[in-house]
Amino acid sequence: MKISEVMNKAFVVDDSISLKQAAKIMSDKNIGSLIVIKKDKIVGIVTERDIMKNIGKIGGKISSVMTKNVVTIEFKDTIDNAALIMAKNKIKRLPVMKKGILVGIITATDILANSDSLNEEFLLDWFKFDN
C-alpha cells in the first residue's frame, strides 16, 4: 500500500512561535506534531512529547526544542518502507515529500491502522533488523 493512500495533512508552523502557541495549535487541531518550516524548507518537527519534556520552557521558541534533521519519506513509497524507517530511526512520524515539497505526514498509528496491508516480507525484514 502506498503512503499517499494513508497519509494525513501535515500542519506547519514558523520556527519563531512559542511552545505555548505550538501546544495550543496541537490541542485545537487534535494533532500530535507540527512541522517547522523556514523559507519553505523543513527545519524541524515538534511533538507533544517534546513540549511535555520542556514544559519549563513553555514561553520559549519552538526552535529551541524541536528535532532537527527531520527524516522524511517520498510520496510514492510504501507503508512497509515507512514502518522500517520509523523502526530504524526510533521515530513515530514521517513527513511525506513530493518533489521536495511537504504534502503530508504518516504516523505509526496510520501504519498500525493499515497493518493488514503490510507485506509479509516486511515482517521478516523487521525481525532481521530488530535482532
N, C-alpha and C. Protein backbone atom coordinates (compact mmCIF):
# COMPACT_ATOMS: atom_id res chain seq x y z
N MET A 1 0.85 -1.18 0.00
CA MET A 1 0.00 0.00 0.00
C MET A 1 0.89 1.24 0.00
N LYS A 2 0.52 2.21 -0.78
CA LYS A 2 1.30 3.44 -0.90
C LYS A 2 1.00 4.40 0.25
N ILE A 3 2.00 5.15 0.63
CA ILE A 3 1.86 6.15 1.68
C ILE A 3 0.78 7.16 1.33
N SER A 4 0.72 7.51 0.05
CA SER A 4 -0.26 8.51 -0.39
C SER A 4 -1.69 8.10 -0.08
N GLU A 5 -1.93 6.79 0.11
CA GLU A 5 -3.28 6.30 0.40
C GLU A 5 -3.66 6.44 1.87
N VAL A 6 -2.68 6.61 2.75
CA VAL A 6 -2.98 6.64 4.19
C VAL A 6 -2.47 7.88 4.92
N MET A 7 -1.70 8.71 4.24
CA MET A 7 -1.12 9.87 4.92
C MET A 7 -2.20 10.87 5.30
N ASN A 8 -1.83 11.75 6.23
CA ASN A 8 -2.73 12.80 6.71
C ASN A 8 -2.15 14.16 6.38
N LYS A 9 -2.95 15.17 6.58
CA LYS A 9 -2.50 16.54 6.39
C LYS A 9 -1.44 16.86 7.44
N ALA A 10 -0.38 17.51 7.00
CA ALA A 10 0.66 17.96 7.93
C ALA A 10 0.39 19.42 8.28
N PHE A 11 0.53 19.75 9.54
CA PHE A 11 0.35 21.13 9.98
C PHE A 11 1.71 21.76 10.16
N VAL A 12 1.90 22.92 9.56
CA VAL A 12 3.20 23.58 9.60
C VAL A 12 3.13 24.88 10.38
N VAL A 13 4.27 25.21 10.98
CA VAL A 13 4.40 26.46 11.72
C VAL A 13 5.76 27.06 11.42
N ASP A 14 5.91 28.32 11.72
CA ASP A 14 7.18 29.03 11.60
C ASP A 14 8.03 28.73 12.82
N ASP A 15 9.33 28.79 12.67
CA ASP A 15 10.23 28.46 13.78
C ASP A 15 10.27 29.51 14.88
N SER A 16 9.57 30.61 14.69
CA SER A 16 9.61 31.68 15.68
C SER A 16 8.48 31.62 16.71
N ILE A 17 7.52 30.69 16.54
CA ILE A 17 6.41 30.65 17.50
C ILE A 17 6.88 30.05 18.83
N SER A 18 6.12 30.32 19.87
CA SER A 18 6.47 29.81 21.20
C SER A 18 5.94 28.39 21.39
N LEU A 19 6.50 27.71 22.37
CA LEU A 19 6.00 26.37 22.72
C LEU A 19 4.53 26.45 23.12
N LYS A 20 4.17 27.52 23.82
CA LYS A 20 2.78 27.68 24.25
C LYS A 20 1.86 27.77 23.04
N GLN A 21 2.26 28.53 22.03
CA GLN A 21 1.46 28.63 20.80
C GLN A 21 1.38 27.27 20.10
N ALA A 22 2.49 26.56 20.06
CA ALA A 22 2.52 25.23 19.43
C ALA A 22 1.58 24.28 20.16
N ALA A 23 1.63 24.29 21.49
CA ALA A 23 0.76 23.43 22.29
C ALA A 23 -0.71 23.74 22.03
N LYS A 24 -1.04 25.02 21.91
CA LYS A 24 -2.43 25.42 21.65
C LYS A 24 -2.88 24.94 20.28
N ILE A 25 -2.03 25.08 19.27
CA ILE A 25 -2.37 24.63 17.92
C ILE A 25 -2.62 23.12 17.93
N MET A 26 -1.71 22.37 18.56
CA MET A 26 -1.86 20.92 18.60
C MET A 26 -3.13 20.52 19.34
N SER A 27 -3.43 21.21 20.43
CA SER A 27 -4.63 20.92 21.19
C SER A 27 -5.89 21.24 20.38
N ASP A 28 -5.92 22.42 19.76
CA ASP A 28 -7.08 22.85 18.99
C ASP A 28 -7.35 21.93 17.79
N LYS A 29 -6.29 21.46 17.16
CA LYS A 29 -6.43 20.64 15.95
C LYS A 29 -6.42 19.14 16.26
N ASN A 30 -6.19 18.80 17.54
CA ASN A 30 -6.15 17.41 17.99
C ASN A 30 -5.11 16.61 17.20
N ILE A 31 -3.89 17.16 17.16
CA ILE A 31 -2.78 16.51 16.45
C ILE A 31 -1.60 16.36 17.39
N GLY A 32 -0.68 15.48 17.05
CA GLY A 32 0.45 15.17 17.92
C GLY A 32 1.77 15.77 17.52
N SER A 33 1.79 16.51 16.39
CA SER A 33 3.06 17.10 15.96
C SER A 33 2.82 18.26 15.02
N LEU A 34 3.85 19.07 14.91
CA LEU A 34 3.88 20.18 13.97
C LEU A 34 5.19 20.13 13.20
N ILE A 35 5.12 20.40 11.92
CA ILE A 35 6.32 20.50 11.10
C ILE A 35 6.75 21.96 11.11
N VAL A 36 8.02 22.18 11.39
CA VAL A 36 8.55 23.55 11.47
C VAL A 36 9.22 23.89 10.14
N ILE A 37 8.77 24.99 9.56
CA ILE A 37 9.22 25.41 8.23
C ILE A 37 9.91 26.77 8.32
N LYS A 38 10.96 26.91 7.53
CA LYS A 38 11.63 28.21 7.38
C LYS A 38 12.05 28.33 5.93
N LYS A 39 11.62 29.38 5.28
CA LYS A 39 11.91 29.60 3.86
C LYS A 39 11.52 28.38 3.02
N ASP A 40 10.32 27.87 3.25
CA ASP A 40 9.75 26.75 2.51
C ASP A 40 10.52 25.43 2.66
N LYS A 41 11.36 25.32 3.66
CA LYS A 41 12.12 24.09 3.92
C LYS A 41 11.81 23.58 5.33
N ILE A 42 11.77 22.26 5.49
CA ILE A 42 11.57 21.67 6.81
C ILE A 42 12.84 21.85 7.61
N VAL A 43 12.72 22.50 8.77
CA VAL A 43 13.88 22.68 9.64
C VAL A 43 13.72 21.92 10.96
N GLY A 44 12.52 21.37 11.19
CA GLY A 44 12.32 20.62 12.42
C GLY A 44 10.93 20.05 12.53
N ILE A 45 10.76 19.27 13.59
CA ILE A 45 9.45 18.73 13.95
C ILE A 45 9.35 18.81 15.46
N VAL A 46 8.19 19.17 15.95
CA VAL A 46 7.96 19.21 17.40
C VAL A 46 6.74 18.35 17.69
N THR A 47 6.86 17.55 18.75
CA THR A 47 5.79 16.63 19.12
C THR A 47 5.26 16.99 20.51
N GLU A 48 4.15 16.34 20.86
CA GLU A 48 3.60 16.53 22.21
C GLU A 48 4.66 16.19 23.25
N ARG A 49 5.40 15.14 22.99
CA ARG A 49 6.44 14.70 23.93
C ARG A 49 7.51 15.78 24.11
N ASP A 50 7.91 16.42 23.01
CA ASP A 50 8.90 17.50 23.09
C ASP A 50 8.39 18.62 24.00
N ILE A 51 7.13 18.95 23.85
CA ILE A 51 6.54 20.03 24.67
C ILE A 51 6.48 19.61 26.13
N MET A 52 6.03 18.39 26.39
CA MET A 52 5.93 17.92 27.78
C MET A 52 7.30 17.85 28.45
N LYS A 53 8.31 17.41 27.72
CA LYS A 53 9.67 17.33 28.28
C LYS A 53 10.25 18.71 28.57
N ASN A 54 9.70 19.73 27.92
CA ASN A 54 10.24 21.08 28.05
C ASN A 54 9.21 22.06 28.58
N ILE A 55 8.32 21.57 29.42
CA ILE A 55 7.22 22.39 29.93
C ILE A 55 7.74 23.63 30.67
N GLY A 56 8.92 23.55 31.25
CA GLY A 56 9.51 24.70 31.94
C GLY A 56 9.93 25.81 30.99
N LYS A 57 10.01 25.50 29.70
CA LYS A 57 10.40 26.48 28.68
C LYS A 57 9.21 26.90 27.84
N ILE A 58 7.99 26.79 28.38
CA ILE A 58 6.76 26.98 27.61
C ILE A 58 6.70 28.35 26.91
N GLY A 59 7.37 29.35 27.46
CA GLY A 59 7.38 30.67 26.82
C GLY A 59 8.45 30.81 25.76
N GLY A 60 9.35 29.82 25.68
CA GLY A 60 10.45 29.86 24.73
C GLY A 60 10.02 29.52 23.31
N LYS A 61 10.94 29.68 22.41
CA LYS A 61 10.67 29.42 21.00
C LYS A 61 10.65 27.92 20.71
N ILE A 62 9.83 27.56 19.76
CA ILE A 62 9.71 26.16 19.35
C ILE A 62 11.05 25.63 18.83
N SER A 63 11.82 26.52 18.22
CA SER A 63 13.10 26.11 17.63
C SER A 63 14.09 25.60 18.68
N SER A 64 13.88 25.95 19.95
CA SER A 64 14.81 25.51 20.99
C SER A 64 14.57 24.07 21.43
N VAL A 65 13.43 23.49 21.07
CA VAL A 65 13.13 22.11 21.49
C VAL A 65 12.80 21.17 20.33
N MET A 66 12.65 21.70 19.14
CA MET A 66 12.29 20.86 18.00
C MET A 66 13.41 19.89 17.65
N THR A 67 13.04 18.79 17.03
CA THR A 67 14.01 17.86 16.50
C THR A 67 14.43 18.37 15.13
N LYS A 68 15.73 18.51 14.95
CA LYS A 68 16.26 18.97 13.67
C LYS A 68 16.64 17.75 12.84
N ASN A 69 17.10 17.94 11.63
CA ASN A 69 17.47 16.83 10.73
C ASN A 69 16.33 15.82 10.63
N VAL A 70 15.21 16.30 10.21
CA VAL A 70 13.98 15.50 10.14
C VAL A 70 14.09 14.44 9.05
N VAL A 71 13.76 13.21 9.43
CA VAL A 71 13.71 12.10 8.48
C VAL A 71 12.38 12.20 7.74
N THR A 72 12.43 12.09 6.42
CA THR A 72 11.21 12.18 5.60
C THR A 72 11.09 10.94 4.71
N ILE A 73 9.99 10.86 4.02
CA ILE A 73 9.75 9.76 3.08
C ILE A 73 9.07 10.31 1.84
N GLU A 74 9.27 9.63 0.73
CA GLU A 74 8.68 10.07 -0.53
C GLU A 74 7.23 9.60 -0.67
N PHE A 75 6.44 10.42 -1.29
CA PHE A 75 5.02 10.24 -1.56
C PHE A 75 4.71 8.87 -2.18
N LYS A 76 5.57 8.40 -3.09
CA LYS A 76 5.32 7.16 -3.83
C LYS A 76 5.73 5.90 -3.05
N ASP A 77 6.37 6.07 -1.91
CA ASP A 77 6.89 4.93 -1.16
C ASP A 77 5.75 4.12 -0.54
N THR A 78 6.11 2.98 0.07
CA THR A 78 5.10 2.08 0.65
C THR A 78 5.06 2.23 2.17
N ILE A 79 3.95 1.77 2.76
CA ILE A 79 3.88 1.81 4.22
C ILE A 79 4.84 0.80 4.84
N ASP A 80 5.19 -0.26 4.10
CA ASP A 80 6.21 -1.20 4.58
C ASP A 80 7.52 -0.46 4.84
N ASN A 81 7.93 0.33 3.85
CA ASN A 81 9.18 1.06 3.99
C ASN A 81 9.07 2.14 5.06
N ALA A 82 7.92 2.77 5.18
CA ALA A 82 7.72 3.77 6.23
C ALA A 82 7.91 3.14 7.60
N ALA A 83 7.34 1.96 7.79
CA ALA A 83 7.48 1.26 9.07
C ALA A 83 8.93 0.91 9.36
N LEU A 84 9.66 0.47 8.34
CA LEU A 84 11.09 0.15 8.52
C LEU A 84 11.89 1.40 8.89
N ILE A 85 11.61 2.50 8.22
CA ILE A 85 12.32 3.76 8.50
C ILE A 85 12.03 4.21 9.93
N MET A 86 10.77 4.12 10.34
CA MET A 86 10.40 4.51 11.71
C MET A 86 11.11 3.63 12.73
N ALA A 87 11.12 2.32 12.50
CA ALA A 87 11.78 1.41 13.43
C ALA A 87 13.28 1.68 13.50
N LYS A 88 13.90 1.85 12.35
CA LYS A 88 15.34 2.08 12.29
C LYS A 88 15.73 3.37 13.02
N ASN A 89 14.93 4.41 12.85
CA ASN A 89 15.24 5.72 13.42
C ASN A 89 14.57 5.97 14.77
N LYS A 90 13.77 5.00 15.24
CA LYS A 90 13.05 5.11 16.50
C LYS A 90 12.21 6.38 16.57
N ILE A 91 11.41 6.55 15.52
CA ILE A 91 10.51 7.70 15.43
C ILE A 91 9.10 7.21 15.12
N LYS A 92 8.12 8.08 15.34
CA LYS A 92 6.72 7.71 15.14
C LYS A 92 6.03 8.51 14.05
N ARG A 93 6.74 9.46 13.46
CA ARG A 93 6.13 10.32 12.46
C ARG A 93 7.11 10.58 11.33
N LEU A 94 6.60 10.56 10.09
CA LEU A 94 7.41 10.84 8.92
C LEU A 94 6.70 11.85 8.03
N PRO A 95 7.29 13.03 7.87
CA PRO A 95 6.73 13.94 6.87
C PRO A 95 6.86 13.31 5.48
N VAL A 96 5.85 13.51 4.66
CA VAL A 96 5.81 12.93 3.32
C VAL A 96 6.11 14.04 2.30
N MET A 97 7.08 13.74 1.42
CA MET A 97 7.54 14.72 0.45
C MET A 97 7.19 14.28 -0.97
N LYS A 98 6.93 15.27 -1.82
CA LYS A 98 6.73 15.02 -3.26
C LYS A 98 7.52 16.09 -3.99
N LYS A 99 8.58 15.65 -4.66
CA LYS A 99 9.47 16.57 -5.40
C LYS A 99 9.97 17.69 -4.50
N GLY A 100 10.36 17.33 -3.27
CA GLY A 100 10.93 18.31 -2.34
C GLY A 100 9.93 19.18 -1.61
N ILE A 101 8.64 18.92 -1.82
CA ILE A 101 7.59 19.73 -1.18
C ILE A 101 6.82 18.85 -0.19
N LEU A 102 6.57 19.38 1.00
CA LEU A 102 5.81 18.67 2.02
C LEU A 102 4.36 18.52 1.55
N VAL A 103 3.87 17.26 1.53
CA VAL A 103 2.50 17.02 1.10
C VAL A 103 1.65 16.31 2.15
N GLY A 104 2.27 15.88 3.25
CA GLY A 104 1.51 15.20 4.29
C GLY A 104 2.41 14.62 5.35
N ILE A 105 1.82 13.77 6.19
CA ILE A 105 2.57 13.11 7.25
C ILE A 105 1.96 11.71 7.45
N ILE A 106 2.81 10.76 7.76
CA ILE A 106 2.35 9.42 8.09
C ILE A 106 2.87 9.09 9.48
N THR A 107 2.02 8.48 10.29
CA THR A 107 2.40 8.17 11.68
C THR A 107 2.37 6.67 11.91
N ALA A 108 2.95 6.27 13.02
CA ALA A 108 2.92 4.86 13.41
C ALA A 108 1.47 4.40 13.56
N THR A 109 0.60 5.25 14.03
CA THR A 109 -0.82 4.91 14.17
C THR A 109 -1.44 4.63 12.80
N ASP A 110 -1.08 5.42 11.80
CA ASP A 110 -1.58 5.18 10.44
C ASP A 110 -1.15 3.81 9.93
N ILE A 111 0.09 3.45 10.22
CA ILE A 111 0.61 2.16 9.77
C ILE A 111 -0.10 1.02 10.50
N LEU A 112 -0.28 1.16 11.80
CA LEU A 112 -0.99 0.13 12.56
C LEU A 112 -2.42 -0.04 12.08
N ALA A 113 -3.06 1.08 11.76
CA ALA A 113 -4.45 1.02 11.28
C ALA A 113 -4.54 0.30 9.94
N ASN A 114 -3.43 0.23 9.22
CA ASN A 114 -3.41 -0.42 7.91
C ASN A 114 -2.47 -1.63 7.91
N SER A 115 -2.24 -2.21 9.06
CA SER A 115 -1.27 -3.30 9.19
C SER A 115 -1.64 -4.53 8.37
N ASP A 116 -2.92 -4.69 8.05
CA ASP A 116 -3.31 -5.83 7.22
C ASP A 116 -2.74 -5.70 5.80
N SER A 117 -2.28 -4.49 5.44
CA SER A 117 -1.70 -4.27 4.12
C SER A 117 -0.19 -4.46 4.10
N LEU A 118 0.41 -4.66 5.27
CA LEU A 118 1.86 -4.83 5.31
C LEU A 118 2.25 -6.14 4.63
N ASN A 119 3.31 -6.07 3.89
CA ASN A 119 3.84 -7.22 3.17
C ASN A 119 4.44 -8.20 4.18
N GLU A 120 4.23 -9.49 3.99
CA GLU A 120 4.81 -10.49 4.89
C GLU A 120 6.33 -10.37 4.93
N GLU A 121 6.94 -10.03 3.80
CA GLU A 121 8.40 -9.87 3.76
C GLU A 121 8.83 -8.74 4.69
N PHE A 122 7.97 -7.75 4.86
CA PHE A 122 8.28 -6.66 5.77
C PHE A 122 8.53 -7.20 7.17
N LEU A 123 7.65 -8.09 7.62
CA LEU A 123 7.80 -8.64 8.96
C LEU A 123 9.11 -9.40 9.11
N LEU A 124 9.48 -10.17 8.09
CA LEU A 124 10.75 -10.90 8.13
C LEU A 124 11.92 -9.92 8.18
N ASP A 125 11.86 -8.88 7.35
CA ASP A 125 12.93 -7.86 7.35
C ASP A 125 13.00 -7.16 8.69
N TRP A 126 11.83 -6.87 9.27
CA TRP A 126 11.80 -6.15 10.54
C TRP A 126 12.45 -6.99 11.64
N PHE A 127 12.15 -8.29 11.67
CA PHE A 127 12.75 -9.15 12.67
C PHE A 127 14.26 -9.26 12.48
N LYS A 128 14.72 -9.28 11.23
CA LYS A 128 16.17 -9.29 10.97
C LYS A 128 16.78 -8.00 11.49
N PHE A 129 16.11 -6.88 11.21
CA PHE A 129 16.63 -5.58 11.62
C PHE A 129 16.65 -5.48 13.15
N ASP A 130 15.61 -5.99 13.79
CA ASP A 130 15.47 -5.86 15.24
C ASP A 130 16.51 -6.67 16.00
N ASN A 131 17.01 -7.74 15.43
CA ASN A 131 17.97 -8.61 16.14
C ASN A 131 19.40 -8.26 15.84
